[in-house]
Each structure stands twice: as structure tokens, then as C-alpha cells.
Amino acid sequence: MPIPSATNSHLIVAGFHALSDPIRIGVLEILRKREQCVCDLCDALGVNQSKLSFHLKTLKEAGLVNARQEGRWIYYSLNLPQFTILEAYLAEFSNNKVIASARLCCD
């Protein structure tokens, strides 16, 4: 399995960190259907805007969501290429058919 580049390593770590919270998973599930504004995400998840802003920042920094401003509202959508990077990283584990047995390292 090739070692991810420094850039991909950062994206992989940030992506899996972002996926480690139930609220952020909820945001992604909602965005699977369509782009949403912050107010609609708050209503759907039952959280206030300041709490949701923290989670959206984490998702955005991980590259999992895109944000665009329209007037005073910010709309969020999934950034599918980042999911492809995470998927490819995980696929390398399942594609690795050879499992080497441990060798003695301290004789």
C-alpha cells in the first residue's frame, strides 16, 4: 500500500476526525439530499447556530463540505472529491490480499 502524501495524510486525518461526531454525521446525512442553509440545518438537527457553526467549521476544514454565501445566508453542500480520497484510502486496506505474519524483531 502506498504511503499517502503529506497533503493527503492531512486530509485523511482531518476527514476521519470530522466524521467522529454525531452532529457532524447528521449534517452530512442531511446534505446528502441537497444543499442547505445554516438555518435549515439548525432546525433539522435541533441545535443552535453557534454550536452548529463549530461543527460546520470542522467539516469545512476537513474539506468535507463546501460553503457559498448568498445574501446573508451561507449554504452548505457536500464536497464529494474529499469523500473519494477517504474511500480510496480505506479501499487500500481491503485490496491488500497479502497479510504478512509478524517476524521476530528482538532475537
PDB file of N, CA and C in Angstrom:
ATOM      1  N   MET A   1       0.852  -1.178   0.000  1.00  0.00           N
ATOM      2  CA  MET A   1       0.000   0.000   0.000  1.00  0.00           C
ATOM      3  C   MET A   1       0.891   1.231   0.000  1.00  0.00           C
ATOM      4  N   PRO A   2       0.673   2.173  -0.926  1.00  0.00           N
ATOM      5  CA  PRO A   2       1.494   3.372  -0.947  1.00  0.00           C
ATOM      6  C   PRO A   2       1.197   4.251   0.258  1.00  0.00           C
ATOM      7  N   ILE A   3       2.229   4.944   0.717  1.00  0.00           N
ATOM      8  CA  ILE A   3       2.075   5.875   1.832  1.00  0.00           C
ATOM      9  C   ILE A   3       1.474   7.156   1.275  1.00  0.00           C
ATOM     10  N   PRO A   4       0.396   7.668   1.911  1.00  0.00           N
ATOM     11  CA  PRO A   4      -0.216   8.899   1.405  1.00  0.00           C
ATOM     12  C   PRO A   4       0.765  10.071   1.472  1.00  0.00           C
ATOM     13  N   SER A   5       0.637  11.000   0.543  1.00  0.00           N
ATOM     14  CA  SER A   5       1.459  12.205   0.572  1.00  0.00           C
ATOM     15  C   SER A   5       1.113  13.013   1.812  1.00  0.00           C
ATOM     16  N   ALA A   6       1.952  13.980   2.143  1.00  0.00           N
ATOM     17  CA  ALA A   6       1.703  14.817   3.320  1.00  0.00           C
ATOM     18  C   ALA A   6       0.360  15.528   3.208  1.00  0.00           C
ATOM     19  N   THR A   7       0.032  15.985   2.008  1.00  0.00           N
ATOM     20  CA  THR A   7      -1.254  16.664   1.809  1.00  0.00           C
ATOM     21  C   THR A   7      -2.403  15.698   2.025  1.00  0.00           C
ATOM     22  N   ASN A   8      -2.316  14.527   1.398  1.00  0.00           N
ATOM     23  CA  ASN A   8      -3.386  13.545   1.583  1.00  0.00           C
ATOM     24  C   ASN A   8      -3.461  13.063   3.022  1.00  0.00           C
ATOM     25  N   SER A   9      -2.329  12.910   3.697  1.00  0.00           N
ATOM     26  CA  SER A   9      -2.342  12.495   5.100  1.00  0.00           C
ATOM     27  C   SER A   9      -3.126  13.489   5.939  1.00  0.00           C
ATOM     28  N   HIS A  10      -2.884  14.770   5.708  1.00  0.00           N
ATOM     29  CA  HIS A  10      -3.613  15.806   6.451  1.00  0.00           C
ATOM     30  C   HIS A  10      -5.114  15.711   6.167  1.00  0.00           C
ATOM     31  N   LEU A  11      -5.473  15.541   4.901  1.00  0.00           N
ATOM     32  CA  LEU A  11      -6.887  15.447   4.538  1.00  0.00           C
ATOM     33  C   LEU A  11      -7.533  14.194   5.121  1.00  0.00           C
ATOM     34  N   ILE A  12      -6.788  13.106   5.155  1.00  0.00           N
ATOM     35  CA  ILE A  12      -7.319  11.857   5.700  1.00  0.00           C
ATOM     36  C   ILE A  12      -7.555  11.992   7.201  1.00  0.00           C
ATOM     37  N   VAL A  13      -6.572  12.518   7.914  1.00  0.00           N
ATOM     38  CA  VAL A  13      -6.707  12.701   9.365  1.00  0.00           C
ATOM     39  C   VAL A  13      -7.860  13.654   9.675  1.00  0.00           C
ATOM     40  N   ALA A  14      -7.898  14.794   8.984  1.00  0.00           N
ATOM     41  CA  ALA A  14      -8.961  15.767   9.217  1.00  0.00           C
ATOM     42  C   ALA A  14     -10.329  15.185   8.861  1.00  0.00           C
ATOM     43  N   GLY A  15     -10.378  14.407   7.786  1.00  0.00           N
ATOM     44  CA  GLY A  15     -11.651  13.805   7.375  1.00  0.00           C
ATOM     45  C   GLY A  15     -12.187  12.829   8.397  1.00  0.00           C
ATOM     46  N   PHE A  16     -11.328  11.949   8.889  1.00  0.00           N
ATOM     47  CA  PHE A  16     -11.802  10.980   9.877  1.00  0.00           C
ATOM     48  C   PHE A  16     -12.125  11.647  11.212  1.00  0.00           C
ATOM     49  N   HIS A  17     -11.381  12.675  11.569  1.00  0.00           N
ATOM     50  CA  HIS A  17     -11.723  13.424  12.789  1.00  0.00           C
ATOM     51  C   HIS A  17     -13.114  14.040  12.640  1.00  0.00           C
ATOM     52  N   ALA A  18     -13.362  14.651  11.488  1.00  0.00           N
ATOM     53  CA  ALA A  18     -14.660  15.290  11.257  1.00  0.00           C
ATOM     54  C   ALA A  18     -15.803  14.282  11.294  1.00  0.00           C
ATOM     55  N   LEU A  19     -15.524  13.048  10.911  1.00  0.00           N
ATOM     56  CA  LEU A  19     -16.561  12.007  10.904  1.00  0.00           C
ATOM     57  C   LEU A  19     -16.795  11.395  12.281  1.00  0.00           C
ATOM     58  N   SER A  20     -16.083  11.875  13.292  1.00  0.00           N
ATOM     59  CA  SER A  20     -16.153  11.242  14.610  1.00  0.00           C
ATOM     60  C   SER A  20     -17.186  11.860  15.542  1.00  0.00           C
ATOM     61  N   ASP A  21     -18.060  12.701  15.042  1.00  0.00           N
ATOM     62  CA  ASP A  21     -19.056  13.345  15.900  1.00  0.00           C
ATOM     63  C   ASP A  21     -20.461  13.143  15.339  1.00  0.00           C
ATOM     64  N   PRO A  22     -21.403  12.762  16.196  1.00  0.00           N
ATOM     65  CA  PRO A  22     -22.777  12.511  15.720  1.00  0.00           C
ATOM     66  C   PRO A  22     -23.448  13.718  15.059  1.00  0.00           C
ATOM     67  N   ILE A  23     -23.178  14.915  15.548  1.00  0.00           N
ATOM     68  CA  ILE A  23     -23.797  16.093  14.926  1.00  0.00           C
ATOM     69  C   ILE A  23     -23.255  16.279  13.518  1.00  0.00           C
ATOM     70  N   ARG A  24     -21.953  16.094  13.356  1.00  0.00           N
ATOM     71  CA  ARG A  24     -21.364  16.256  12.026  1.00  0.00           C
ATOM     72  C   ARG A  24     -21.856  15.174  11.071  1.00  0.00           C
ATOM     73  N   ILE A  25     -22.027  13.971  11.568  1.00  0.00           N
ATOM     74  CA  ILE A  25     -22.612  12.905  10.738  1.00  0.00           C
ATOM     75  C   ILE A  25     -24.029  13.302  10.334  1.00  0.00           C
ATOM     76  N   GLY A  26     -24.777  13.870  11.273  1.00  0.00           N
ATOM     77  CA  GLY A  26     -26.135  14.337  10.966  1.00  0.00           C
ATOM     78  C   GLY A  26     -26.144  15.385   9.872  1.00  0.00           C
ATOM     79  N   VAL A  27     -25.200  16.315   9.934  1.00  0.00           N
ATOM     80  CA  VAL A  27     -25.089  17.345   8.895  1.00  0.00           C
ATOM     81  C   VAL A  27     -24.851  16.689   7.534  1.00  0.00           C
ATOM     82  N   LEU A  28     -23.921  15.744   7.499  1.00  0.00           N
ATOM     83  CA  LEU A  28     -23.605  15.086   6.226  1.00  0.00           C
ATOM     84  C   LEU A  28     -24.799  14.308   5.687  1.00  0.00           C
ATOM     85  N   GLU A  29     -25.529  13.657   6.567  1.00  0.00           N
ATOM     86  CA  GLU A  29     -26.721  12.915   6.126  1.00  0.00           C
ATOM     87  C   GLU A  29     -27.746  13.857   5.504  1.00  0.00           C
ATOM     88  N   ILE A  30     -27.931  15.016   6.100  1.00  0.00           N
ATOM     89  CA  ILE A  30     -28.878  15.997   5.553  1.00  0.00           C
ATOM     90  C   ILE A  30     -28.384  16.516   4.208  1.00  0.00           C
ATOM     91  N   LEU A  31     -27.076  16.786   4.115  1.00  0.00           N
ATOM     92  CA  LEU A  31     -26.518  17.336   2.875  1.00  0.00           C
ATOM     93  C   LEU A  31     -26.458  16.309   1.753  1.00  0.00           C
ATOM     94  N   ARG A  32     -26.616  15.040   2.086  1.00  0.00           N
ATOM     95  CA  ARG A  32     -26.675  14.012   1.027  1.00  0.00           C
ATOM     96  C   ARG A  32     -27.854  14.251   0.106  1.00  0.00           C
ATOM     97  N   LYS A  33     -28.912  14.819   0.651  1.00  0.00           N
ATOM     98  CA  LYS A  33     -30.137  15.040  -0.134  1.00  0.00           C
ATOM     99  C   LYS A  33     -30.029  16.282  -1.012  1.00  0.00           C
ATOM    100  N   ARG A  34     -29.493  17.377  -0.408  1.00  0.00           N
ATOM    101  CA  ARG A  34     -29.357  18.618  -1.178  1.00  0.00           C
ATOM    102  C   ARG A  34     -28.624  19.664  -0.346  1.00  0.00           C
ATOM    103  N   GLU A  35     -28.219  20.713  -1.008  1.00  0.00           N
ATOM    104  CA  GLU A  35     -27.597  21.855  -0.352  1.00  0.00           C
ATOM    105  C   GLU A  35     -28.572  22.447   0.669  1.00  0.00           C
ATOM    106  N   GLN A  36     -28.051  22.933   1.781  1.00  0.00           N
ATOM    107  CA  GLN A  36     -28.897  23.503   2.836  1.00  0.00           C
ATOM    108  C   GLN A  36     -28.274  24.782   3.383  1.00  0.00           C
ATOM    109  N   CYS A  37     -29.127  25.692   3.821  1.00  0.00           N
ATOM    110  CA  CYS A  37     -28.627  26.880   4.507  1.00  0.00           C
ATOM    111  C   CYS A  37     -28.489  26.557   5.994  1.00  0.00           C
ATOM    112  N   VAL A  38     -27.727  27.374   6.680  1.00  0.00           N
ATOM    113  CA  VAL A  38     -27.452  27.157   8.095  1.00  0.00           C
ATOM    114  C   VAL A  38     -28.742  27.081   8.902  1.00  0.00           C
ATOM    115  N   CYS A  39     -29.683  27.970   8.627  1.00  0.00           N
ATOM    116  CA  CYS A  39     -30.921  27.986   9.425  1.00  0.00           C
ATOM    117  C   CYS A  39     -31.694  26.677   9.280  1.00  0.00           C
ATOM    118  N   ASP A  40     -31.723  26.112   8.072  1.00  0.00           N
ATOM    119  CA  ASP A  40     -32.419  24.837   7.873  1.00  0.00           C
ATOM    120  C   ASP A  40     -31.685  23.691   8.568  1.00  0.00           C
ATOM    121  N   LEU A  41     -30.348  23.728   8.555  1.00  0.00           N
ATOM    122  CA  LEU A  41     -29.577  22.703   9.261  1.00  0.00           C
ATOM    123  C   LEU A  41     -29.826  22.781  10.770  1.00  0.00           C
ATOM    124  N   CYS A  42     -29.873  23.996  11.308  1.00  0.00           N
ATOM    125  CA  CYS A  42     -30.152  24.175  12.740  1.00  0.00           C
ATOM    126  C   CYS A  42     -31.504  23.579  13.099  1.00  0.00           C
ATOM    127  N   ASP A  43     -32.507  23.880  12.301  1.00  0.00           N
ATOM    128  CA  ASP A  43     -33.855  23.355  12.556  1.00  0.00           C
ATOM    129  C   ASP A  43     -33.877  21.835  12.477  1.00  0.00           C
ATOM    130  N   ALA A  44     -33.266  21.292  11.457  1.00  0.00           N
ATOM    131  CA  ALA A  44     -33.300  19.841  11.247  1.00  0.00           C
ATOM    132  C   ALA A  44     -32.563  19.088  12.352  1.00  0.00           C
ATOM    133  N   LEU A  45     -31.493  19.674  12.866  1.00  0.00           N
ATOM    134  CA  LEU A  45     -30.683  18.994  13.882  1.00  0.00           C
ATOM    135  C   LEU A  45     -31.064  19.376  15.307  1.00  0.00           C
ATOM    136  N   GLY A  46     -31.862  20.443  15.453  1.00  0.00           N
ATOM    137  CA  GLY A  46     -32.267  20.883  16.785  1.00  0.00           C
ATOM    138  C   GLY A  46     -31.117  21.454  17.603  1.00  0.00           C
ATOM    139  N   VAL A  47     -30.201  22.151  16.936  1.00  0.00           N
ATOM    140  CA  VAL A  47     -29.079  22.784  17.631  1.00  0.00           C
ATOM    141  C   VAL A  47     -29.055  24.269  17.298  1.00  0.00           C
ATOM    142  N   ASN A  48     -28.444  25.054  18.202  1.00  0.00           N
ATOM    143  CA  ASN A  48     -28.371  26.487  17.933  1.00  0.00           C
ATOM    144  C   ASN A  48     -27.249  26.780  16.931  1.00  0.00           C
ATOM    145  N   GLN A  49     -27.303  27.983  16.381  1.00  0.00           N
ATOM    146  CA  GLN A  49     -26.397  28.321  15.289  1.00  0.00           C
ATOM    147  C   GLN A  49     -24.936  28.357  15.735  1.00  0.00           C
ATOM    148  N   SER A  50     -24.651  28.798  16.955  1.00  0.00           N
ATOM    149  CA  SER A  50     -23.252  28.862  17.385  1.00  0.00           C
ATOM    150  C   SER A  50     -22.654  27.461  17.521  1.00  0.00           C
ATOM    151  N   LYS A  51     -23.443  26.521  18.032  1.00  0.00           N
ATOM    152  CA  LYS A  51     -22.957  25.142  18.150  1.00  0.00           C
ATOM    153  C   LYS A  51     -22.752  24.532  16.763  1.00  0.00           C
ATOM    154  N   LEU A  52     -23.707  24.760  15.880  1.00  0.00           N
ATOM    155  CA  LEU A  52     -23.600  24.212  14.536  1.00  0.00           C
ATOM    156  C   LEU A  52     -22.435  24.838  13.772  1.00  0.00           C
ATOM    157  N   SER A  53     -22.179  26.114  13.993  1.00  0.00           N
ATOM    158  CA  SER A  53     -21.073  26.785  13.311  1.00  0.00           C
ATOM    159  C   SER A  53     -19.739  26.118  13.626  1.00  0.00           C
ATOM    160  N   PHE A  54     -19.553  25.703  14.876  1.00  0.00           N
ATOM    161  CA  PHE A  54     -18.338  24.988  15.257  1.00  0.00           C
ATOM    162  C   PHE A  54     -18.198  23.704  14.443  1.00  0.00           C
ATOM    163  N   HIS A  55     -19.278  22.949  14.335  1.00  0.00           N
ATOM    164  CA  HIS A  55     -19.239  21.676  13.609  1.00  0.00           C
ATOM    165  C   HIS A  55     -19.067  21.893  12.103  1.00  0.00           C
ATOM    166  N   LEU A  56     -19.716  22.915  11.564  1.00  0.00           N
ATOM    167  CA  LEU A  56     -19.559  23.214  10.145  1.00  0.00           C
ATOM    168  C   LEU A  56     -18.133  23.651   9.834  1.00  0.00           C
ATOM    169  N   LYS A  57     -17.515  24.387  10.742  1.00  0.00           N
ATOM    170  CA  LYS A  57     -16.116  24.787  10.559  1.00  0.00           C
ATOM    171  C   LYS A  57     -15.218  23.559  10.490  1.00  0.00           C
ATOM    172  N   THR A  58     -15.452  22.589  11.365  1.00  0.00           N
ATOM    173  CA  THR A  58     -14.665  21.363  11.361  1.00  0.00           C
ATOM    174  C   THR A  58     -14.845  20.609  10.051  1.00  0.00           C
ATOM    175  N   LEU A  59     -16.082  20.491   9.587  1.00  0.00           N
ATOM    176  CA  LEU A  59     -16.352  19.810   8.315  1.00  0.00           C
ATOM    177  C   LEU A  59     -15.719  20.546   7.139  1.00  0.00           C
ATOM    178  N   LYS A  60     -15.771  21.860   7.180  1.00  0.00           N
ATOM    179  CA  LYS A  60     -15.200  22.671   6.104  1.00  0.00           C
ATOM    180  C   LYS A  60     -13.676  22.552   6.095  1.00  0.00           C
ATOM    181  N   GLU A  61     -13.042  22.618   7.267  1.00  0.00           N
ATOM    182  CA  GLU A  61     -11.586  22.484   7.355  1.00  0.00           C
ATOM    183  C   GLU A  61     -11.123  21.103   6.891  1.00  0.00           C
ATOM    184  N   ALA A  62     -11.970  20.095   7.089  1.00  0.00           N
ATOM    185  CA  ALA A  62     -11.650  18.737   6.631  1.00  0.00           C
ATOM    186  C   ALA A  62     -11.920  18.565   5.144  1.00  0.00           C
ATOM    187  N   GLY A  63     -12.509  19.575   4.528  1.00  0.00           N
ATOM    188  CA  GLY A  63     -12.792  19.509   3.101  1.00  0.00           C
ATOM    189  C   GLY A  63     -14.020  18.691   2.754  1.00  0.00           C
ATOM    190  N   LEU A  64     -14.824  18.338   3.759  1.00  0.00           N
ATOM    191  CA  LEU A  64     -15.994  17.501   3.504  1.00  0.00           C
ATOM    192  C   LEU A  64     -17.200  18.283   3.004  1.00  0.00           C
ATOM    193  N   VAL A  65     -17.233  19.587   3.294  1.00  0.00           N
ATOM    194  CA  VAL A  65     -18.345  20.415   2.818  1.00  0.00           C
ATOM    195  C   VAL A  65     -17.812  21.666   2.142  1.00  0.00           C
ATOM    196  N   ASN A  66     -18.613  22.169   1.229  1.00  0.00           N
ATOM    197  CA  ASN A  66     -18.365  23.456   0.571  1.00  0.00           C
ATOM    198  C   ASN A  66     -19.351  24.458   1.144  1.00  0.00           C
ATOM    199  N   ALA A  67     -18.958  25.714   1.167  1.00  0.00           N
ATOM    200  CA  ALA A  67     -19.848  26.779   1.635  1.00  0.00           C
ATOM    201  C   ALA A  67     -19.895  27.878   0.579  1.00  0.00           C
ATOM    202  N   ARG A  68     -21.080  28.396   0.388  1.00  0.00           N
ATOM    203  CA  ARG A  68     -21.228  29.551  -0.514  1.00  0.00           C
ATOM    204  C   ARG A  68     -22.206  30.524   0.125  1.00  0.00           C
ATOM    205  N   GLN A  69     -21.917  31.778  -0.030  1.00  0.00           N
ATOM    206  CA  GLN A  69     -22.765  32.803   0.562  1.00  0.00           C
ATOM    207  C   GLN A  69     -23.716  33.354  -0.476  1.00  0.00           C
ATOM    208  N   GLU A  70     -24.962  33.492  -0.049  1.00  0.00           N
ATOM    209  CA  GLU A  70     -25.988  34.116  -0.891  1.00  0.00           C
ATOM    210  C   GLU A  70     -26.741  35.084   0.003  1.00  0.00           C
ATOM    211  N   GLY A  71     -26.506  36.372  -0.230  1.00  0.00           N
ATOM    212  CA  GLY A  71     -27.084  37.365   0.665  1.00  0.00           C
ATOM    213  C   GLY A  71     -26.473  37.216   2.047  1.00  0.00           C
ATOM    214  N   ARG A  72     -27.310  37.133   3.067  1.00  0.00           N
ATOM    215  CA  ARG A  72     -26.784  36.983   4.431  1.00  0.00           C
ATOM    216  C   ARG A  72     -26.699  35.535   4.884  1.00  0.00           C
ATOM    217  N   TRP A  73     -27.098  34.602   4.017  1.00  0.00           N
ATOM    218  CA  TRP A  73     -27.089  33.194   4.397  1.00  0.00           C
ATOM    219  C   TRP A  73     -25.927  32.447   3.752  1.00  0.00           C
ATOM    220  N   ILE A  74     -25.452  31.444   4.460  1.00  0.00           N
ATOM    221  CA  ILE A  74     -24.412  30.574   3.918  1.00  0.00           C
ATOM    222  C   ILE A  74     -25.047  29.216   3.652  1.00  0.00           C
ATOM    223  N   TYR A  75     -24.826  28.709   2.460  1.00  0.00           N
ATOM    224  CA  TYR A  75     -25.358  27.419   2.048  1.00  0.00           C
ATOM    225  C   TYR A  75     -24.227  26.404   1.999  1.00  0.00           C
ATOM    226  N   TYR A  76     -24.508  25.205   2.500  1.00  0.00           N
ATOM    227  CA  TYR A  76     -23.513  24.136   2.566  1.00  0.00           C
ATOM    228  C   TYR A  76     -23.922  22.974   1.677  1.00  0.00           C
ATOM    229  N   SER A  77     -22.917  22.354   1.075  1.00  0.00           N
ATOM    230  CA  SER A  77     -23.120  21.164   0.244  1.00  0.00           C
ATOM    231  C   SER A  77     -21.929  20.239   0.459  1.00  0.00           C
ATOM    232  N   LEU A  78     -22.100  18.988   0.049  1.00  0.00           N
ATOM    233  CA  LEU A  78     -21.021  18.021   0.177  1.00  0.00           C
ATOM    234  C   LEU A  78     -19.921  18.307  -0.837  1.00  0.00           C
ATOM    235  N   ASN A  79     -18.691  18.068  -0.430  1.00  0.00           N
ATOM    236  CA  ASN A  79     -17.538  18.146  -1.323  1.00  0.00           C
ATOM    237  C   ASN A  79     -17.136  16.713  -1.650  1.00  0.00           C
ATOM    238  N   LEU A  80     -17.747  16.156  -2.676  1.00  0.00           N
ATOM    239  CA  LEU A  80     -17.588  14.735  -2.993  1.00  0.00           C
ATOM    240  C   LEU A  80     -16.151  14.293  -3.276  1.00  0.00           C
ATOM    241  N   PRO A  81     -15.280  15.116  -3.864  1.00  0.00           N
ATOM    242  CA  PRO A  81     -13.903  14.650  -4.071  1.00  0.00           C
ATOM    243  C   PRO A  81     -13.182  14.270  -2.772  1.00  0.00           C
ATOM    244  N   GLN A  82     -13.492  14.961  -1.684  1.00  0.00           N
ATOM    245  CA  GLN A  82     -12.846  14.600  -0.416  1.00  0.00           C
ATOM    246  C   GLN A  82     -13.322  13.229   0.071  1.00  0.00           C
ATOM    247  N   PHE A  83     -14.578  12.910  -0.143  1.00  0.00           N
ATOM    248  CA  PHE A  83     -15.081  11.588   0.225  1.00  0.00           C
ATOM    249  C   PHE A  83     -14.393  10.513  -0.612  1.00  0.00           C
ATOM    250  N   THR A  84     -14.080  10.840  -1.869  1.00  0.00           N
ATOM    251  CA  THR A  84     -13.372   9.903  -2.737  1.00  0.00           C
ATOM    252  C   THR A  84     -11.979   9.611  -2.198  1.00  0.00           C
ATOM    253  N   ILE A  85     -11.310  10.633  -1.663  1.00  0.00           N
ATOM    254  CA  ILE A  85      -9.978  10.434  -1.070  1.00  0.00           C
ATOM    255  C   ILE A  85     -10.063   9.480   0.121  1.00  0.00           C
ATOM    256  N   LEU A  86     -11.042   9.693   0.995  1.00  0.00           N
ATOM    257  CA  LEU A  86     -11.206   8.817   2.157  1.00  0.00           C
ATOM    258  C   LEU A  86     -11.568   7.399   1.731  1.00  0.00           C
ATOM    259  N   GLU A  87     -12.434   7.298   0.750  1.00  0.00           N
ATOM    260  CA  GLU A  87     -12.840   5.990   0.237  1.00  0.00           C
ATOM    261  C   GLU A  87     -11.651   5.236  -0.355  1.00  0.00           C
ATOM    262  N   ALA A  88     -10.831   5.931  -1.125  1.00  0.00           N
ATOM    263  CA  ALA A  88      -9.655   5.302  -1.730  1.00  0.00           C
ATOM    264  C   ALA A  88      -8.671   4.840  -0.663  1.00  0.00           C
ATOM    265  N   TYR A  89      -8.512   5.637   0.374  1.00  0.00           N
ATOM    266  CA  TYR A  89      -7.614   5.262   1.467  1.00  0.00           C
ATOM    267  C   TYR A  89      -8.100   3.964   2.126  1.00  0.00           C
ATOM    268  N   LEU A  90      -9.376   3.881   2.424  1.00  0.00           N
ATOM    269  CA  LEU A  90      -9.927   2.673   3.050  1.00  0.00           C
ATOM    270  C   LEU A  90      -9.891   1.480   2.106  1.00  0.00           C
ATOM    271  N   ALA A  91     -10.099   1.726   0.824  1.00  0.00           N
ATOM    272  CA  ALA A  91     -10.089   0.632  -0.156  1.00  0.00           C
ATOM    273  C   ALA A  91      -8.732  -0.041  -0.210  1.00  0.00           C
ATOM    274  N   GLU A  92      -7.672   0.690   0.034  1.00  0.00           N
ATOM    275  CA  GLU A  92      -6.332   0.109   0.033  1.00  0.00           C
ATOM    276  C   GLU A  92      -6.213  -1.001   1.084  1.00  0.00           C
ATOM    277  N   PHE A  93      -6.920  -0.867   2.188  1.00  0.00           N
ATOM    278  CA  PHE A  93      -6.870  -1.904   3.218  1.00  0.00           C
ATOM    279  C   PHE A  93      -7.586  -3.171   2.763  1.00  0.00           C
ATOM    280  N   SER A  94      -8.729  -3.014   2.144  1.00  0.00           N
ATOM    281  CA  SER A  94      -9.466  -4.195   1.708  1.00  0.00           C
ATOM    282  C   SER A  94      -8.846  -4.816   0.459  1.00  0.00           C
ATOM    283  N   ASN A  95      -8.106  -4.040  -0.309  1.00  0.00           N
ATOM    284  CA  ASN A  95      -7.446  -4.566  -1.513  1.00  0.00           C
ATOM    285  C   ASN A  95      -6.148  -5.294  -1.194  1.00  0.00           C
ATOM    286  N   ASN A  96      -5.641  -5.119  -0.001  1.00  0.00           N
ATOM    287  CA  ASN A  96      -4.388  -5.743   0.393  1.00  0.00           C
ATOM    288  C   ASN A  96      -4.658  -7.204   0.750  1.00  0.00           C
ATOM    289  N   LYS A  97      -4.427  -8.090  -0.215  1.00  0.00           N
ATOM    290  CA  LYS A  97      -4.742  -9.510  -0.030  1.00  0.00           C
ATOM    291  C   LYS A  97      -3.660 -10.256   0.739  1.00  0.00           C
ATOM    292  N   VAL A  98      -2.439  -9.744   0.729  1.00  0.00           N
ATOM    293  CA  VAL A  98      -1.335 -10.421   1.402  1.00  0.00           C
ATOM    294  C   VAL A  98      -1.206  -9.873   2.806  1.00  0.00           C
ATOM    295  N   ILE A  99      -1.380 -10.743   3.769  1.00  0.00           N
ATOM    296  CA  ILE A  99      -1.207 -10.335   5.157  1.00  0.00           C
ATOM    297  C   ILE A  99       0.065 -11.007   5.663  1.00  0.00           C
ATOM    298  N   ALA A 100       1.061 -10.212   5.836  1.00  0.00           N
ATOM    299  CA  ALA A 100       2.353 -10.734   6.271  1.00  0.00           C
ATOM    300  C   ALA A 100       2.292 -11.062   7.752  1.00  0.00           C
ATOM    301  N   SER A 101       2.842 -12.204   8.115  1.00  0.00           N
ATOM    302  CA  SER A 101       2.887 -12.549   9.524  1.00  0.00           C
ATOM    303  C   SER A 101       4.019 -11.776  10.183  1.00  0.00           C
ATOM    304  N   ALA A 102       3.843 -11.537  11.448  1.00  0.00           N
ATOM    305  CA  ALA A 102       4.868 -10.811  12.192  1.00  0.00           C
ATOM    306  C   ALA A 102       6.136 -11.632  12.265  1.00  0.00           C
ATOM    307  N   ARG A 103       7.246 -10.969  12.149  1.00  0.00           N
ATOM    308  CA  ARG A 103       8.509 -11.677  12.311  1.00  0.00           C
ATOM    309  C   ARG A 103       9.106 -11.242  13.640  1.00  0.00           C
ATOM    310  N   LEU A 104       9.927 -12.079  14.151  1.00  0.00           N
ATOM    311  CA  LEU A 104      10.568 -11.751  15.416  1.00  0.00           C
ATOM    312  C   LEU A 104      11.528 -10.599  15.209  1.00  0.00           C
ATOM    313  N   CYS A 105      11.404  -9.605  16.013  1.00  0.00           N
ATOM    314  CA  CYS A 105      12.267  -8.444  15.833  1.00  0.00           C
ATOM    315  C   CYS A 105      13.332  -8.353  16.919  1.00  0.00           C
ATOM    316  N   CYS A 106      13.153  -9.051  17.976  1.00  0.00           N
ATOM    317  CA  CYS A 106      14.104  -8.966  19.092  1.00  0.00           C
ATOM    318  C   CYS A 106      14.612 -10.362  19.419  1.00  0.00           C
ATOM    319  N   ASP A 107      15.617 -10.805  18.710  1.00  0.00           N
ATOM    320  CA  ASP A 107      16.173 -12.143  18.948  1.00  0.00           C
ATOM    321  C   ASP A 107      17.183 -12.113  20.070  1.00  0.00           C
TER     322      ASP A 107
END
